Amino acid sequence: MKKLVYVIAIVLGGIVVNAAEAPKVQDMLMEEFIIQDFTEIATSDLPQAVIDALTTDFPSATLNKAYVNSEGQYKLEIAKEDGSTAALYADAEGNWLEM
C-alpha cells in the first residue's frame, strides 16, 4: 500500500513539474521590423547605395516618390514597365527589406 501512495505522489509531482515548466524561447532569431512612420523626401536625397540597388535589381522601374523613417529605412514608390505601381523597402546600405 505504501508503494502505491509513493507511485501516485511521484506521478502527480511529475505532472505538476511539467505544468510549471518555463516557456521555451525559440531559436533566438532577431527579426527586423519596419517602422511605418515614413516622411517624404526628395528622390535626390536617397543614399547612392539605395539608388544603385534600385537600378541594378529593377532597371525598367521609374522612381516616383521616396520616403524615410527614423530608423533610416527607405520606402520607394516605383512604377513598373507594365504601368503597375509597387512599394519597395530598403535600408541605407541598399539591402532590400521584406514587408
PDB file of N, CA and C in Angstrom:
ATOM      1  N   MET A   1       0.810  -1.183   0.000  1.00  0.00           N
ATOM      2  CA  MET A   1       0.000   0.000   0.000  1.00  0.00           C
ATOM      3  C   MET A   1       0.863   1.261   0.000  1.00  0.00           C
ATOM      4  N   LYS A   2       1.965   1.212   0.767  1.00  0.00           N
ATOM      5  CA  LYS A   2       2.852   2.364   0.804  1.00  0.00           C
ATOM      6  C   LYS A   2       3.433   2.638  -0.580  1.00  0.00           C
ATOM      7  N   LYS A   3       3.738   1.571  -1.317  1.00  0.00           N
ATOM      8  CA  LYS A   3       4.308   1.740  -2.654  1.00  0.00           C
ATOM      9  C   LYS A   3       3.315   2.436  -3.572  1.00  0.00           C
ATOM     10  N   LEU A   4       2.040   2.112  -3.449  1.00  0.00           N
ATOM     11  CA  LEU A   4       1.011   2.739  -4.272  1.00  0.00           C
ATOM     12  C   LEU A   4       0.917   4.234  -3.972  1.00  0.00           C
ATOM     13  N   VAL A   5       0.997   4.607  -2.727  1.00  0.00           N
ATOM     14  CA  VAL A   5       0.958   6.017  -2.335  1.00  0.00           C
ATOM     15  C   VAL A   5       2.179   6.744  -2.897  1.00  0.00           C
ATOM     16  N   TYR A   6       3.355   6.123  -2.819  1.00  0.00           N
ATOM     17  CA  TYR A   6       4.566   6.740  -3.361  1.00  0.00           C
ATOM     18  C   TYR A   6       4.484   6.899  -4.881  1.00  0.00           C
ATOM     19  N   VAL A   7       3.966   5.902  -5.570  1.00  0.00           N
ATOM     20  CA  VAL A   7       3.834   5.963  -7.027  1.00  0.00           C
ATOM     21  C   VAL A   7       2.887   7.092  -7.417  1.00  0.00           C
ATOM     22  N   ILE A   8       1.753   7.197  -6.734  1.00  0.00           N
ATOM     23  CA  ILE A   8       0.798   8.272  -7.029  1.00  0.00           C
ATOM     24  C   ILE A   8       1.434   9.635  -6.760  1.00  0.00           C
ATOM     25  N   ALA A   9       2.165   9.764  -5.672  1.00  0.00           N
ATOM     26  CA  ALA A   9       2.818  11.033  -5.336  1.00  0.00           C
ATOM     27  C   ALA A   9       3.856  11.412  -6.389  1.00  0.00           C
ATOM     28  N   ILE A  10       4.612  10.452  -6.862  1.00  0.00           N
ATOM     29  CA  ILE A  10       5.633  10.721  -7.882  1.00  0.00           C
ATOM     30  C   ILE A  10       4.982  11.117  -9.193  1.00  0.00           C
ATOM     31  N   VAL A  11       3.920  10.417  -9.592  1.00  0.00           N
ATOM     32  CA  VAL A  11       3.223  10.735 -10.840  1.00  0.00           C
ATOM     33  C   VAL A  11       2.625  12.137 -10.762  1.00  0.00           C
ATOM     34  N   LEU A  12       1.935  12.443  -9.678  1.00  0.00           N
ATOM     35  CA  LEU A  12       1.349  13.780  -9.526  1.00  0.00           C
ATOM     36  C   LEU A  12       2.434  14.855  -9.464  1.00  0.00           C
ATOM     37  N   GLY A  13       3.522  14.572  -8.810  1.00  0.00           N
ATOM     38  CA  GLY A  13       4.638  15.518  -8.754  1.00  0.00           C
ATOM     39  C   GLY A  13       5.215  15.787 -10.132  1.00  0.00           C
ATOM     40  N   GLY A  14       5.311  14.749 -10.951  1.00  0.00           N
ATOM     41  CA  GLY A  14       5.811  14.910 -12.317  1.00  0.00           C
ATOM     42  C   GLY A  14       4.877  15.743 -13.168  1.00  0.00           C
ATOM     43  N   ILE A  15       3.578  15.558 -12.988  1.00  0.00           N
ATOM     44  CA  ILE A  15       2.599  16.341 -13.747  1.00  0.00           C
ATOM     45  C   ILE A  15       2.680  17.813 -13.355  1.00  0.00           C
ATOM     46  N   VAL A  16       2.788  18.089 -12.073  1.00  0.00           N
ATOM     47  CA  VAL A  16       2.870  19.471 -11.605  1.00  0.00           C
ATOM     48  C   VAL A  16       4.148  20.131 -12.115  1.00  0.00           C
ATOM     49  N   VAL A  17       5.255  19.417 -12.093  1.00  0.00           N
ATOM     50  CA  VAL A  17       6.524  19.970 -12.575  1.00  0.00           C
ATOM     51  C   VAL A  17       6.433  20.287 -14.063  1.00  0.00           C
ATOM     52  N   ASN A  18       5.828  19.415 -14.857  1.00  0.00           N
ATOM     53  CA  ASN A  18       5.677  19.674 -16.287  1.00  0.00           C
ATOM     54  C   ASN A  18       4.770  20.862 -16.546  1.00  0.00           C
ATOM     55  N   ALA A  19       3.728  21.013 -15.760  1.00  0.00           N
ATOM     56  CA  ALA A  19       2.805  22.128 -15.942  1.00  0.00           C
ATOM     57  C   ALA A  19       3.465  23.449 -15.567  1.00  0.00           C
ATOM     58  N   ALA A  20       4.418  23.435 -14.662  1.00  0.00           N
ATOM     59  CA  ALA A  20       5.073  24.650 -14.200  1.00  0.00           C
ATOM     60  C   ALA A  20       6.345  24.971 -14.975  1.00  0.00           C
ATOM     61  N   GLU A  21       6.631  24.235 -16.023  1.00  0.00           N
ATOM     62  CA  GLU A  21       7.852  24.447 -16.797  1.00  0.00           C
ATOM     63  C   GLU A  21       7.830  25.816 -17.479  1.00  0.00           C
ATOM     64  N   ALA A  22       8.938  26.487 -17.458  1.00  0.00           N
ATOM     65  CA  ALA A  22       9.042  27.812 -18.073  1.00  0.00           C
ATOM     66  C   ALA A  22       8.887  27.711 -19.584  1.00  0.00           C
ATOM     67  N   PRO A  23       8.296  28.721 -20.197  1.00  0.00           N
ATOM     68  CA  PRO A  23       8.158  28.689 -21.660  1.00  0.00           C
ATOM     69  C   PRO A  23       9.528  28.701 -22.336  1.00  0.00           C
ATOM     70  N   LYS A  24       9.623  27.994 -23.447  1.00  0.00           N
ATOM     71  CA  LYS A  24      10.893  27.894 -24.159  1.00  0.00           C
ATOM     72  C   LYS A  24      11.023  29.030 -25.165  1.00  0.00           C
ATOM     73  N   VAL A  25      12.205  29.560 -25.276  1.00  0.00           N
ATOM     74  CA  VAL A  25      12.488  30.608 -26.247  1.00  0.00           C
ATOM     75  C   VAL A  25      12.871  29.943 -27.559  1.00  0.00           C
ATOM     76  N   GLN A  26      12.274  30.392 -28.646  1.00  0.00           N
ATOM     77  CA  GLN A  26      12.519  29.761 -29.937  1.00  0.00           C
ATOM     78  C   GLN A  26      13.721  30.384 -30.635  1.00  0.00           C
ATOM     79  N   ASP A  27      14.724  29.643 -30.859  1.00  0.00           N
ATOM     80  CA  ASP A  27      15.879  29.914 -31.715  1.00  0.00           C
ATOM     81  C   ASP A  27      16.505  31.299 -31.624  1.00  0.00           C
ATOM     82  N   MET A  28      16.023  32.175 -30.820  1.00  0.00           N
ATOM     83  CA  MET A  28      16.628  33.491 -30.593  1.00  0.00           C
ATOM     84  C   MET A  28      16.940  34.231 -31.893  1.00  0.00           C
ATOM     85  N   LEU A  29      16.052  34.178 -32.858  1.00  0.00           N
ATOM     86  CA  LEU A  29      16.261  34.881 -34.117  1.00  0.00           C
ATOM     87  C   LEU A  29      15.866  36.340 -33.963  1.00  0.00           C
ATOM     88  N   MET A  30      16.683  37.196 -34.497  1.00  0.00           N
ATOM     89  CA  MET A  30      16.362  38.620 -34.497  1.00  0.00           C
ATOM     90  C   MET A  30      15.632  38.938 -35.790  1.00  0.00           C
ATOM     91  N   GLU A  31      14.494  39.566 -35.676  1.00  0.00           N
ATOM     92  CA  GLU A  31      13.757  39.964 -36.855  1.00  0.00           C
ATOM     93  C   GLU A  31      13.820  41.474 -36.977  1.00  0.00           C
ATOM     94  N   GLU A  32      13.895  41.914 -38.194  1.00  0.00           N
ATOM     95  CA  GLU A  32      13.959  43.338 -38.444  1.00  0.00           C
ATOM     96  C   GLU A  32      12.557  43.826 -38.763  1.00  0.00           C
ATOM     97  N   PHE A  33      12.093  44.783 -37.982  1.00  0.00           N
ATOM     98  CA  PHE A  33      10.758  45.310 -38.180  1.00  0.00           C
ATOM     99  C   PHE A  33      10.836  46.643 -38.897  1.00  0.00           C
ATOM    100  N   ILE A  34       9.874  46.864 -39.744  1.00  0.00           N
ATOM    101  CA  ILE A  34       9.819  48.109 -40.492  1.00  0.00           C
ATOM    102  C   ILE A  34       8.860  49.047 -39.779  1.00  0.00           C
ATOM    103  N   ILE A  35       9.348  50.203 -39.411  1.00  0.00           N
ATOM    104  CA  ILE A  35       8.513  51.200 -38.762  1.00  0.00           C
ATOM    105  C   ILE A  35       7.749  51.945 -39.844  1.00  0.00           C
ATOM    106  N   GLN A  36       6.446  52.112 -39.643  1.00  0.00           N
ATOM    107  CA  GLN A  36       5.588  52.658 -40.682  1.00  0.00           C
ATOM    108  C   GLN A  36       5.534  54.188 -40.695  1.00  0.00           C
ATOM    109  N   ASP A  37       6.257  54.866 -39.868  1.00  0.00           N
ATOM    110  CA  ASP A  37       6.193  56.316 -39.775  1.00  0.00           C
ATOM    111  C   ASP A  37       7.173  56.943 -40.769  1.00  0.00           C
ATOM    112  N   PHE A  38       6.790  56.982 -42.049  1.00  0.00           N
ATOM    113  CA  PHE A  38       7.669  57.481 -43.100  1.00  0.00           C
ATOM    114  C   PHE A  38       7.360  58.941 -43.425  1.00  0.00           C
ATOM    115  N   THR A  39       8.411  59.690 -43.759  1.00  0.00           N
ATOM    116  CA  THR A  39       8.300  61.080 -44.179  1.00  0.00           C
ATOM    117  C   THR A  39       8.823  61.185 -45.600  1.00  0.00           C
ATOM    118  N   GLU A  40       8.095  61.901 -46.444  1.00  0.00           N
ATOM    119  CA  GLU A  40       8.508  62.022 -47.845  1.00  0.00           C
ATOM    120  C   GLU A  40       9.782  62.862 -47.957  1.00  0.00           C
ATOM    121  N   ILE A  41      10.677  62.411 -48.832  1.00  0.00           N
ATOM    122  CA  ILE A  41      11.914  63.140 -49.119  1.00  0.00           C
ATOM    123  C   ILE A  41      12.056  63.259 -50.631  1.00  0.00           C
ATOM    124  N   ALA A  42      12.948  64.127 -51.054  1.00  0.00           N
ATOM    125  CA  ALA A  42      13.245  64.242 -52.484  1.00  0.00           C
ATOM    126  C   ALA A  42      14.011  62.998 -52.924  1.00  0.00           C
ATOM    127  N   THR A  43      13.746  62.545 -54.132  1.00  0.00           N
ATOM    128  CA  THR A  43      14.438  61.350 -54.628  1.00  0.00           C
ATOM    129  C   THR A  43      15.941  61.582 -54.722  1.00  0.00           C
ATOM    130  N   SER A  44      16.342  62.830 -54.864  1.00  0.00           N
ATOM    131  CA  SER A  44      17.778  63.141 -54.925  1.00  0.00           C
ATOM    132  C   SER A  44      18.452  62.990 -53.563  1.00  0.00           C
ATOM    133  N   ASP A  45      17.659  62.907 -52.492  1.00  0.00           N
ATOM    134  CA  ASP A  45      18.218  62.739 -51.147  1.00  0.00           C
ATOM    135  C   ASP A  45      18.450  61.279 -50.767  1.00  0.00           C
ATOM    136  N   LEU A  46      18.119  60.357 -51.663  1.00  0.00           N
ATOM    137  CA  LEU A  46      18.351  58.936 -51.382  1.00  0.00           C
ATOM    138  C   LEU A  46      19.847  58.634 -51.354  1.00  0.00           C
ATOM    139  N   PRO A  47      20.277  57.735 -50.477  1.00  0.00           N
ATOM    140  CA  PRO A  47      21.684  57.317 -50.488  1.00  0.00           C
ATOM    141  C   PRO A  47      22.031  56.636 -51.816  1.00  0.00           C
ATOM    142  N   GLN A  48      23.258  56.793 -52.238  1.00  0.00           N
ATOM    143  CA  GLN A  48      23.694  56.215 -53.506  1.00  0.00           C
ATOM    144  C   GLN A  48      23.533  54.696 -53.514  1.00  0.00           C
ATOM    145  N   ALA A  49      23.707  54.055 -52.373  1.00  0.00           N
ATOM    146  CA  ALA A  49      23.563  52.593 -52.306  1.00  0.00           C
ATOM    147  C   ALA A  49      22.133  52.162 -52.626  1.00  0.00           C
ATOM    148  N   VAL A  50      21.147  52.936 -52.199  1.00  0.00           N
ATOM    149  CA  VAL A  50      19.745  52.613 -52.485  1.00  0.00           C
ATOM    150  C   VAL A  50      19.462  52.814 -53.971  1.00  0.00           C
ATOM    151  N   ILE A  51      19.968  53.892 -54.530  1.00  0.00           N
ATOM    152  CA  ILE A  51      19.786  54.163 -55.963  1.00  0.00           C
ATOM    153  C   ILE A  51      20.442  53.063 -56.794  1.00  0.00           C
ATOM    154  N   ASP A  52      21.651  52.655 -56.409  1.00  0.00           N
ATOM    155  CA  ASP A  52      22.348  51.589 -57.132  1.00  0.00           C
ATOM    156  C   ASP A  52      21.573  50.274 -57.062  1.00  0.00           C
ATOM    157  N   ALA A  53      21.033  49.949 -55.888  1.00  0.00           N
ATOM    158  CA  ALA A  53      20.256  48.710 -55.744  1.00  0.00           C
ATOM    159  C   ALA A  53      19.005  48.753 -56.608  1.00  0.00           C
ATOM    160  N   LEU A  54      18.359  49.913 -56.675  1.00  0.00           N
ATOM    161  CA  LEU A  54      17.150  50.048 -57.490  1.00  0.00           C
ATOM    162  C   LEU A  54      17.466  49.883 -58.970  1.00  0.00           C
ATOM    163  N   THR A  55      18.514  50.533 -59.448  1.00  0.00           N
ATOM    164  CA  THR A  55      18.845  50.440 -60.873  1.00  0.00           C
ATOM    165  C   THR A  55      19.377  49.057 -61.247  1.00  0.00           C
ATOM    166  N   THR A  56      20.001  48.373 -60.308  1.00  0.00           N
ATOM    167  CA  THR A  56      20.508  47.026 -60.575  1.00  0.00           C
ATOM    168  C   THR A  56      19.388  45.988 -60.587  1.00  0.00           C
ATOM    169  N   ASP A  57      18.536  46.030 -59.562  1.00  0.00           N
ATOM    170  CA  ASP A  57      17.512  44.997 -59.407  1.00  0.00           C
ATOM    171  C   ASP A  57      16.217  45.288 -60.165  1.00  0.00           C
ATOM    172  N   PHE A  58      15.951  46.555 -60.446  1.00  0.00           N
ATOM    173  CA  PHE A  58      14.729  46.950 -61.156  1.00  0.00           C
ATOM    174  C   PHE A  58      15.083  47.968 -62.240  1.00  0.00           C
ATOM    175  N   PRO A  59      15.797  47.545 -63.273  1.00  0.00           N
ATOM    176  CA  PRO A  59      16.298  48.504 -64.269  1.00  0.00           C
ATOM    177  C   PRO A  59      15.202  49.213 -65.068  1.00  0.00           C
ATOM    178  N   SER A  60      14.040  48.603 -65.223  1.00  0.00           N
ATOM    179  CA  SER A  60      12.985  49.238 -66.013  1.00  0.00           C
ATOM    180  C   SER A  60      12.003  50.036 -65.155  1.00  0.00           C
ATOM    181  N   ALA A  61      12.205  50.083 -63.851  1.00  0.00           N
ATOM    182  CA  ALA A  61      11.289  50.791 -62.952  1.00  0.00           C
ATOM    183  C   ALA A  61      11.585  52.285 -62.939  1.00  0.00           C
ATOM    184  N   THR A  62      10.531  53.057 -62.701  1.00  0.00           N
ATOM    185  CA  THR A  62      10.656  54.506 -62.566  1.00  0.00           C
ATOM    186  C   THR A  62      10.353  54.871 -61.119  1.00  0.00           C
ATOM    187  N   LEU A  63      11.249  55.607 -60.495  1.00  0.00           N
ATOM    188  CA  LEU A  63      11.067  56.019 -59.107  1.00  0.00           C
ATOM    189  C   LEU A  63      10.133  57.222 -59.059  1.00  0.00           C
ATOM    190  N   ASN A  64       8.986  57.071 -58.391  1.00  0.00           N
ATOM    191  CA  ASN A  64       8.016  58.157 -58.291  1.00  0.00           C
ATOM    192  C   ASN A  64       8.201  58.985 -57.029  1.00  0.00           C
ATOM    193  N   LYS A  65       8.290  58.321 -55.876  1.00  0.00           N
ATOM    194  CA  LYS A  65       8.418  59.016 -54.594  1.00  0.00           C
ATOM    195  C   LYS A  65       9.353  58.232 -53.691  1.00  0.00           C
ATOM    196  N   ALA A  66       9.928  58.937 -52.729  1.00  0.00           N
ATOM    197  CA  ALA A  66      10.807  58.305 -51.746  1.00  0.00           C
ATOM    198  C   ALA A  66      10.433  58.809 -50.359  1.00  0.00           C
ATOM    199  N   TYR A  67      10.557  57.919 -49.392  1.00  0.00           N
ATOM    200  CA  TYR A  67      10.236  58.238 -48.004  1.00  0.00           C
ATOM    201  C   TYR A  67      11.334  57.668 -47.110  1.00  0.00           C
ATOM    202  N   VAL A  68      11.480  58.235 -45.919  1.00  0.00           N
ATOM    203  CA  VAL A  68      12.440  57.732 -44.936  1.00  0.00           C
ATOM    204  C   VAL A  68      11.768  57.749 -43.565  1.00  0.00           C
ATOM    205  N   ASN A  69      12.177  56.822 -42.688  1.00  0.00           N
ATOM    206  CA  ASN A  69      11.675  56.838 -41.315  1.00  0.00           C
ATOM    207  C   ASN A  69      12.826  57.111 -40.354  1.00  0.00           C
ATOM    208  N   SER A  70      12.516  57.147 -39.070  1.00  0.00           N
ATOM    209  CA  SER A  70      13.524  57.490 -38.064  1.00  0.00           C
ATOM    210  C   SER A  70      14.595  56.420 -37.904  1.00  0.00           C
ATOM    211  N   GLU A  71      14.349  55.220 -38.405  1.00  0.00           N
ATOM    212  CA  GLU A  71      15.320  54.132 -38.321  1.00  0.00           C
ATOM    213  C   GLU A  71      16.265  54.098 -39.518  1.00  0.00           C
ATOM    214  N   GLY A  72      16.128  55.040 -40.447  1.00  0.00           N
ATOM    215  CA  GLY A  72      16.980  55.052 -41.631  1.00  0.00           C
ATOM    216  C   GLY A  72      16.557  54.047 -42.677  1.00  0.00           C
ATOM    217  N   GLN A  73      15.295  53.654 -42.657  1.00  0.00           N
ATOM    218  CA  GLN A  73      14.755  52.741 -43.661  1.00  0.00           C
ATOM    219  C   GLN A  73      14.031  53.574 -44.710  1.00  0.00           C
ATOM    220  N   TYR A  74      14.116  53.132 -45.954  1.00  0.00           N
ATOM    221  CA  TYR A  74      13.566  53.897 -47.066  1.00  0.00           C
ATOM    222  C   TYR A  74      12.429  53.143 -47.724  1.00  0.00           C
ATOM    223  N   LYS A  75      11.391  53.888 -48.073  1.00  0.00           N
ATOM    224  CA  LYS A  75      10.266  53.343 -48.825  1.00  0.00           C
ATOM    225  C   LYS A  75      10.306  54.001 -50.195  1.00  0.00           C
ATOM    226  N   LEU A  76      10.300  53.191 -51.232  1.00  0.00           N
ATOM    227  CA  LEU A  76      10.355  53.698 -52.599  1.00  0.00           C
ATOM    228  C   LEU A  76       9.070  53.317 -53.314  1.00  0.00           C
ATOM    229  N   GLU A  77       8.388  54.301 -53.861  1.00  0.00           N
ATOM    230  CA  GLU A  77       7.218  54.029 -54.691  1.00  0.00           C
ATOM    231  C   GLU A  77       7.682  54.070 -56.134  1.00  0.00           C
ATOM    232  N   ILE A  78       7.515  52.937 -56.823  1.00  0.00           N
ATOM    233  CA  ILE A  78       8.001  52.837 -58.196  1.00  0.00           C
ATOM    234  C   ILE A  78       6.850  52.515 -59.142  1.00  0.00           C
ATOM    235  N   ALA A  79       7.058  52.853 -60.399  1.00  0.00           N
ATOM    236  CA  ALA A  79       6.149  52.446 -61.470  1.00  0.00           C
ATOM    237  C   ALA A  79       6.879  51.397 -62.288  1.00  0.00           C
ATOM    238  N   LYS A  80       6.220  50.259 -62.472  1.00  0.00           N
ATOM    239  CA  LYS A  80       6.816  49.182 -63.258  1.00  0.00           C
ATOM    240  C   LYS A  80       6.591  49.432 -64.744  1.00  0.00           C
ATOM    241  N   GLU A  81       7.276  48.657 -65.549  1.00  0.00           N
ATOM    242  CA  GLU A  81       7.193  48.788 -67.001  1.00  0.00           C
ATOM    243  C   GLU A  81       5.771  48.559 -67.517  1.00  0.00           C
ATOM    244  N   ASP A  82       5.016  47.680 -66.844  1.00  0.00           N
ATOM    245  CA  ASP A  82       3.646  47.383 -67.283  1.00  0.00           C
ATOM    246  C   ASP A  82       2.620  48.411 -66.799  1.00  0.00           C
ATOM    247  N   GLY A  83       3.069  49.450 -66.100  1.00  0.00           N
ATOM    248  CA  GLY A  83       2.182  50.505 -65.636  1.00  0.00           C
ATOM    249  C   GLY A  83       1.706  50.349 -64.206  1.00  0.00           C
ATOM    250  N   SER A  84       1.915  49.193 -63.601  1.00  0.00           N
ATOM    251  CA  SER A  84       1.508  48.997 -62.210  1.00  0.00           C
ATOM    252  C   SER A  84       2.515  49.664 -61.276  1.00  0.00           C
ATOM    253  N   THR A  85       2.085  49.895 -60.050  1.00  0.00           N
ATOM    254  CA  THR A  85       2.962  50.523 -59.067  1.00  0.00           C
ATOM    255  C   THR A  85       3.283  49.527 -57.963  1.00  0.00           C
ATOM    256  N   ALA A  86       4.362  49.794 -57.263  1.00  0.00           N
ATOM    257  CA  ALA A  86       4.780  48.930 -56.157  1.00  0.00           C
ATOM    258  C   ALA A  86       5.537  49.766 -55.143  1.00  0.00           C
ATOM    259  N   ALA A  87       5.599  49.266 -53.927  1.00  0.00           N
ATOM    260  CA  ALA A  87       6.377  49.898 -52.868  1.00  0.00           C
ATOM    261  C   ALA A  87       7.513  48.954 -52.491  1.00  0.00           C
ATOM    262  N   LEU A  88       8.718  49.488 -52.452  1.00  0.00           N
ATOM    263  CA  LEU A  88       9.902  48.722 -52.065  1.00  0.00           C
ATOM    264  C   LEU A  88      10.476  49.336 -50.800  1.00  0.00           C
ATOM    265  N   TYR A  89      11.090  48.518 -49.978  1.00  0.00           N
ATOM    266  CA  TYR A  89      11.685  48.987 -48.735  1.00  0.00           C
ATOM    267  C   TYR A  89      13.158  48.594 -48.716  1.00  0.00           C
ATOM    268  N   ALA A  90      14.007  49.533 -48.312  1.00  0.00           N
ATOM    269  CA  ALA A  90      15.448  49.278 -48.278  1.00  0.00           C
ATOM    270  C   ALA A  90      16.061  49.986 -47.075  1.00  0.00           C
ATOM    271  N   ASP A  91      17.219  49.488 -46.647  1.00  0.00           N
ATOM    272  CA  ASP A  91      17.961  50.207 -45.621  1.00  0.00           C
ATOM    273  C   ASP A  91      18.966  51.128 -46.303  1.00  0.00           C
ATOM    274  N   ALA A  92      19.718  51.880 -45.533  1.00  0.00           N
ATOM    275  CA  ALA A  92      20.640  52.874 -46.084  1.00  0.00           C
ATOM    276  C   ALA A  92      21.774  52.245 -46.884  1.00  0.00           C
ATOM    277  N   GLU A  93      22.061  50.956 -46.669  1.00  0.00           N
ATOM    278  CA  GLU A  93      23.126  50.270 -47.398  1.00  0.00           C
ATOM    279  C   GLU A  93      22.629  49.658 -48.704  1.00  0.00           C
ATOM    280  N   GLY A  94      21.349  49.820 -49.016  1.00  0.00           N
ATOM    281  CA  GLY A  94      20.811  49.281 -50.261  1.00  0.00           C
ATOM    282  C   GLY A  94      20.332  47.848 -50.161  1.00  0.00           C
ATOM    283  N   ASN A  95      20.184  47.330 -48.955  1.00  0.00           N
ATOM    284  CA  ASN A  95      19.654  45.978 -48.753  1.00  0.00           C
ATOM    285  C   ASN A  95      18.132  46.046 -48.732  1.00  0.00           C
ATOM    286  N   TRP A  96      17.485  45.158 -49.474  1.00  0.00           N
ATOM    287  CA  TRP A  96      16.026  45.153 -49.533  1.00  0.00           C
ATOM    288  C   TRP A  96      15.454  44.568 -48.254  1.00  0.00           C
ATOM    289  N   LEU A  97      14.392  45.178 -47.762  1.00  0.00           N
ATOM    290  CA  LEU A  97      13.698  44.723 -46.565  1.00  0.00           C
ATOM    291  C   LEU A  97      12.351  44.156 -46.976  1.00  0.00           C
ATOM    292  N   GLU A  98      11.948  43.072 -46.338  1.00  0.00           N
ATOM    293  CA  GLU A  98      10.653  42.479 -46.650  1.00  0.00           C
ATOM    294  C   GLU A  98       9.596  43.071 -45.741  1.00  0.00           C
ATOM    295  N   MET A  99       8.466  43.341 -46.309  1.00  0.00           N
ATOM    296  CA  MET A  99       7.361  43.919 -45.548  1.00  0.00           C
ATOM    297  C   MET A  99       6.479  42.842 -45.014  1.00  0.00           C
TER     298      MET A  99
END
